[in-house]
């Protein structure tokens, strides 16, 4: 059976959301609702657009060999566990690496049937809620000091993080709309 996912945003080729060039999906819907969340527009479950896992996989494959893997953010991906499981499993089977962000802790996920199985198909899990009082942009891809990098396969390791800095991608469409992706220490603009 092909699961349906509620997706808030797709970035088909980005280099600021993980190792190498990545296909990036932001899942729509989040009950955690961290104070100061950068993606608050993805909290509601009635936003986003519905995609089948099969359609997402076709779209990833259309990007060709330039894509190393997928990065899944939110919202909260684990609030759509069946679709998340199918997507991560099929991406791994096709040779794509999987980086997965969650506001839940690894230990919580390991206690839940259906959710712990997703971790078998995850190379890097970045866990923990964003805590505004612990804001820290000194490490790549995370916003607060409590968030952890958990290397769940041998694909990547802590050593691979060395020298990686947060950065932004700014894209301007033909129609003039501006899309900013990634993160940086905003103090550099003051």
Protein backbone atom coordinates (compact mmCIF):
# COMPACT_ATOMS: atom_id res chain seq x y z
CA UNK A 1 0.00 0.00 0.00
CA UNK A 2 1.23 3.46 -0.86
CA UNK A 3 0.93 5.90 2.01
CA UNK A 4 -0.07 9.55 1.67
CA UNK A 5 1.97 12.29 3.35
CA UNK A 6 0.98 15.84 4.21
CA UNK A 7 3.94 17.95 3.08
CA UNK A 8 4.38 21.64 3.92
CA UNK A 9 7.35 22.32 1.67
CA UNK A 10 9.73 20.59 -0.73
CA UNK A 11 13.21 21.74 -1.71
CA UNK A 12 14.40 19.47 -4.49
CA UNK A 13 18.12 20.24 -4.40
CA UNK A 14 19.67 21.91 -1.39
CA UNK A 15 23.13 21.87 0.15
CA UNK A 16 22.21 23.52 3.47
CA UNK A 17 20.10 20.78 5.09
CA UNK A 18 22.63 17.99 5.56
CA UNK A 19 25.57 16.29 3.91
CA UNK A 20 25.92 16.82 0.14
CA UNK A 21 23.03 17.76 -2.12
CA UNK A 22 19.73 16.69 -0.64
CA UNK A 23 16.06 16.41 -1.43
CA UNK A 24 14.36 18.08 1.51
CA UNK A 25 10.82 17.53 2.79
CA UNK A 26 9.07 19.49 5.54
CA UNK A 27 6.19 17.48 6.97
CA UNK A 28 3.03 19.44 7.78
CA UNK A 29 1.61 19.26 11.30
CA UNK A 30 3.23 19.41 14.72
CA UNK A 31 1.72 19.01 18.17
CA UNK A 32 5.00 19.87 19.96
CA UNK A 33 4.88 23.56 18.95
CA UNK A 34 8.21 24.74 20.35
CA UNK A 35 8.30 28.36 21.50
CA UNK A 36 10.30 30.34 18.92
CA UNK A 37 10.00 27.63 16.25
CA UNK A 38 11.26 28.78 12.84
CA UNK A 39 8.65 26.60 11.08
CA UNK A 40 5.52 27.59 13.01
CA UNK A 41 3.57 27.77 9.73
CA UNK A 42 3.86 23.98 9.61
CA UNK A 43 2.17 23.36 12.96
CA UNK A 44 -1.39 23.02 11.65
CA UNK A 45 -2.37 19.70 10.10
CA UNK A 46 -4.80 21.32 7.66
CA UNK A 47 -2.03 23.11 5.76
CA UNK A 48 0.34 21.54 3.28
CA UNK A 49 -0.31 19.40 0.26
CA UNK A 50 -0.93 15.66 0.02
CA UNK A 51 1.59 13.50 -1.86
CA UNK A 52 1.83 9.75 -2.19
CA UNK A 53 5.15 8.21 -1.19
CA UNK A 54 5.35 6.84 -4.75
CA UNK A 55 5.08 10.35 -6.22
CA UNK A 56 7.75 11.68 -3.86
CA UNK A 57 10.09 8.81 -4.82
CA UNK A 58 9.53 9.52 -8.54
CA UNK A 59 10.31 13.19 -7.95
CA UNK A 60 13.51 12.33 -6.06
CA UNK A 61 14.62 10.04 -8.88
CA UNK A 62 13.93 12.79 -11.44
CA UNK A 63 16.66 14.84 -9.74
CA UNK A 64 19.22 12.32 -10.97
CA UNK A 65 22.53 11.38 -9.44
CA UNK A 66 23.12 14.86 -8.01
CA UNK A 67 21.04 13.92 -4.92
CA UNK A 68 22.94 12.12 -2.13
CA UNK A 69 19.95 11.66 0.08
CA UNK A 70 16.86 13.08 1.69
CA UNK A 71 16.43 15.29 4.72
CA UNK A 72 13.10 15.17 6.52
CA UNK A 73 12.07 18.02 8.83
CA UNK A 74 8.85 19.52 10.02
CA UNK A 75 6.47 20.15 11.45
CA UNK A 76 6.96 16.81 13.14
CA UNK A 77 7.68 13.86 10.83
CA UNK A 78 6.91 11.20 13.46
CA UNK A 79 3.29 12.38 13.57
CA UNK A 80 2.89 10.67 10.17
CA UNK A 81 4.63 7.40 11.11
CA UNK A 82 3.24 5.02 8.47
CA UNK A 83 4.16 7.28 5.58
CA UNK A 84 7.48 8.19 7.17
CA UNK A 85 8.33 4.50 7.55
CA UNK A 86 7.50 3.72 3.93
CA UNK A 87 9.43 6.75 2.65
CA UNK A 88 12.59 6.13 4.69
CA UNK A 89 12.62 2.41 3.91
CA UNK A 90 12.20 2.92 0.16
CA UNK A 91 14.77 5.72 0.05
CA UNK A 92 17.34 3.53 1.79
CA UNK A 93 16.54 0.64 -0.56
CA UNK A 94 17.30 2.98 -3.48
CA UNK A 95 20.65 4.01 -1.97
CA UNK A 96 19.70 7.44 -0.65
CA UNK A 97 20.92 8.47 2.78
CA UNK A 98 18.30 9.64 5.28
CA UNK A 99 18.65 12.53 7.73
CA UNK A 100 15.65 12.92 9.99
CA UNK A 101 14.84 15.76 12.40
CA UNK A 102 12.41 15.29 15.29
CA UNK A 103 11.33 17.18 18.38
CA UNK A 104 10.99 13.84 20.19
CA UNK A 105 13.88 12.13 21.93
CA UNK A 106 15.43 8.97 20.53
CA UNK A 107 14.69 7.14 23.80
CA UNK A 108 10.97 8.00 23.50
CA UNK A 109 10.83 6.80 19.90
CA UNK A 110 12.53 3.50 20.73
CA UNK A 111 9.67 2.67 23.12
CA UNK A 112 6.98 3.05 20.44
CA UNK A 113 6.14 0.31 17.97
CA UNK A 114 5.90 1.70 14.47
CA UNK A 115 8.19 4.60 15.30
CA UNK A 116 11.29 2.70 16.36
CA UNK A 117 11.16 0.79 13.06
CA UNK A 118 11.67 4.08 11.18
CA UNK A 119 15.04 4.47 12.88
CA UNK A 120 16.32 1.31 11.13
CA UNK A 121 16.18 3.34 7.90
CA UNK A 122 17.72 6.53 9.28
CA UNK A 123 21.41 7.39 8.94
CA UNK A 124 21.38 10.52 11.08
CA UNK A 125 18.68 11.41 13.58
CA UNK A 126 18.71 14.91 15.01
CA UNK A 127 16.48 14.77 18.06
CA UNK A 128 15.10 17.05 20.73
CA UNK A 129 12.75 20.00 20.71
CA UNK A 130 13.93 23.50 19.91
CA UNK A 131 14.34 25.32 23.25
CA UNK A 132 14.42 29.07 22.74
CA UNK A 133 16.33 29.67 25.98
CA UNK A 134 19.07 27.31 24.71
CA UNK A 135 19.38 28.92 21.27
CA UNK A 136 22.75 27.98 19.78
CA UNK A 137 23.56 28.29 16.09
CA UNK A 138 27.21 27.29 16.44
CA UNK A 139 26.57 23.72 15.21
CA UNK A 140 25.28 22.85 11.76
CA UNK A 141 21.55 22.44 11.16
CA UNK A 142 20.37 22.67 14.80
CA UNK A 143 18.95 25.63 16.65
CA UNK A 144 19.43 24.86 20.34
CA UNK A 145 22.15 23.27 22.44
CA UNK A 146 19.96 20.39 23.69
CA UNK A 147 19.49 18.91 20.22
CA UNK A 148 21.60 15.84 19.51
CA UNK A 149 23.18 14.20 16.49
CA UNK A 150 22.60 10.45 16.63
CA UNK A 151 24.48 8.51 13.97
CA UNK A 152 22.37 5.38 13.47
CA UNK A 153 24.33 3.83 10.61
CA UNK A 154 27.91 3.84 9.42
CA UNK A 155 27.09 6.24 6.54
CA UNK A 156 28.10 9.35 8.52
CA UNK A 157 29.95 10.04 11.76
CA UNK A 158 30.72 12.90 14.12
CA UNK A 159 33.93 13.49 12.13
CA UNK A 160 31.86 14.39 9.07
CA UNK A 161 30.49 17.44 10.91
CA UNK A 162 33.95 18.98 11.22
CA UNK A 163 34.23 22.23 9.28
CA UNK A 164 30.53 22.39 8.34
CA UNK A 165 29.03 25.81 8.98
CA UNK A 166 25.44 26.91 8.83
CA UNK A 167 24.60 28.76 5.65
CA UNK A 168 21.69 30.15 3.70
CA UNK A 169 20.43 29.58 0.19
CA UNK A 170 18.47 32.44 -1.33
CA UNK A 171 16.49 31.66 -4.47
CA UNK A 172 14.53 34.09 -6.61
CA UNK A 173 11.92 32.58 -8.91
CA UNK A 174 11.20 33.85 -12.41
CA UNK A 175 8.03 35.37 -10.94
CA UNK A 176 10.04 37.33 -8.37
CA UNK A 177 9.21 35.39 -5.22
CA UNK A 178 12.10 34.92 -2.79
CA UNK A 179 12.73 31.66 -0.94
CA UNK A 180 15.30 31.43 1.84
CA UNK A 181 16.48 28.07 3.07
CA UNK A 182 18.95 27.12 5.81
CA UNK A 183 20.09 29.03 8.86
CA UNK A 184 22.77 31.41 10.03
CA UNK A 185 23.58 33.56 13.00
CA UNK A 186 21.37 36.55 12.22
CA UNK A 187 23.71 38.85 14.14
CA UNK A 188 25.87 38.97 11.02
CA UNK A 189 23.21 41.14 9.37
CA UNK A 190 23.18 43.80 12.12
